[in-house]
C-alpha atoms as a PDB file:
ATOM      1  CA  GLU A   1      -1.838 -18.065   0.821  1.00  0.00           C
ATOM      2  CA  SER A   2       0.766 -17.415   3.249  1.00  0.00           C
ATOM      3  CA  SER A   3       0.657 -15.187   6.032  1.00  0.00           C
ATOM      4  CA  PHE A   4       3.433 -13.765   4.736  1.00  0.00           C
ATOM      5  CA  GLN A   5       2.649 -12.966   1.621  1.00  0.00           C
ATOM      6  CA  LYS A   6      -0.769 -10.954   2.578  1.00  0.00           C
ATOM      7  CA  ARG A   7       1.466  -8.618   5.108  1.00  0.00           C
ATOM      8  CA  MET A   8       3.024  -7.784   1.725  1.00  0.00           C
ATOM      9  CA  LYS A   9       0.213  -7.218   0.069  1.00  0.00           C
ATOM     10  CA  LYS A  10      -0.994  -4.942   2.330  1.00  0.00           C
ATOM     11  CA  LYS A  11       2.410  -3.047   3.012  1.00  0.00           C
ATOM     12  CA  GLU A  12       2.338  -2.746  -0.852  1.00  0.00           C
ATOM     13  CA  LYS A  13      -1.718  -1.597  -1.210  1.00  0.00           C
ATOM     14  CA  GLU A  14      -0.990   1.397   2.095  1.00  0.00           C
ATOM     15  CA  LYS A  15       2.516   2.609   0.124  1.00  0.00           C
ATOM     16  CA  LYS A  16       0.117   3.515  -3.011  1.00  0.00           C
ATOM     17  CA  GLU A  17      -2.736   4.937  -1.060  1.00  0.00           C
ATOM     18  CA  LYS A  18      -0.152   6.997   0.957  1.00  0.00           C
ATOM     19  CA  LYS A  19       0.868   8.027  -2.682  1.00  0.00           C
ATOM     20  CA  GLY A  20      -1.710   8.794  -3.784  1.00  0.00           C
ATOM     21  CA  LYS A  21      -2.422  10.791  -1.103  1.00  0.00           C
ATOM     22  CA  LYS A  22       1.058  12.462  -1.827  1.00  0.00           C
ATOM     23  CA  LYS A  23      -0.842  13.595  -5.977  1.00  0.00           C
ATOM     24  CA  GLU A  24      -4.222  14.817  -4.559  1.00  0.00           C
ATOM     25  CA  ARG A  25      -2.954  17.829  -2.598  1.00  0.00           C
ATOM     26  CA  LYS A  26      -0.166  18.532  -5.793  1.00  0.00           C
END
């Protein structure tokens, strides 16, 4: 696994977590 792929996976995880937090507030 390249460092680029790891970075992309981390970005996707952060995106999903942000969306989840927004849903929780509603």
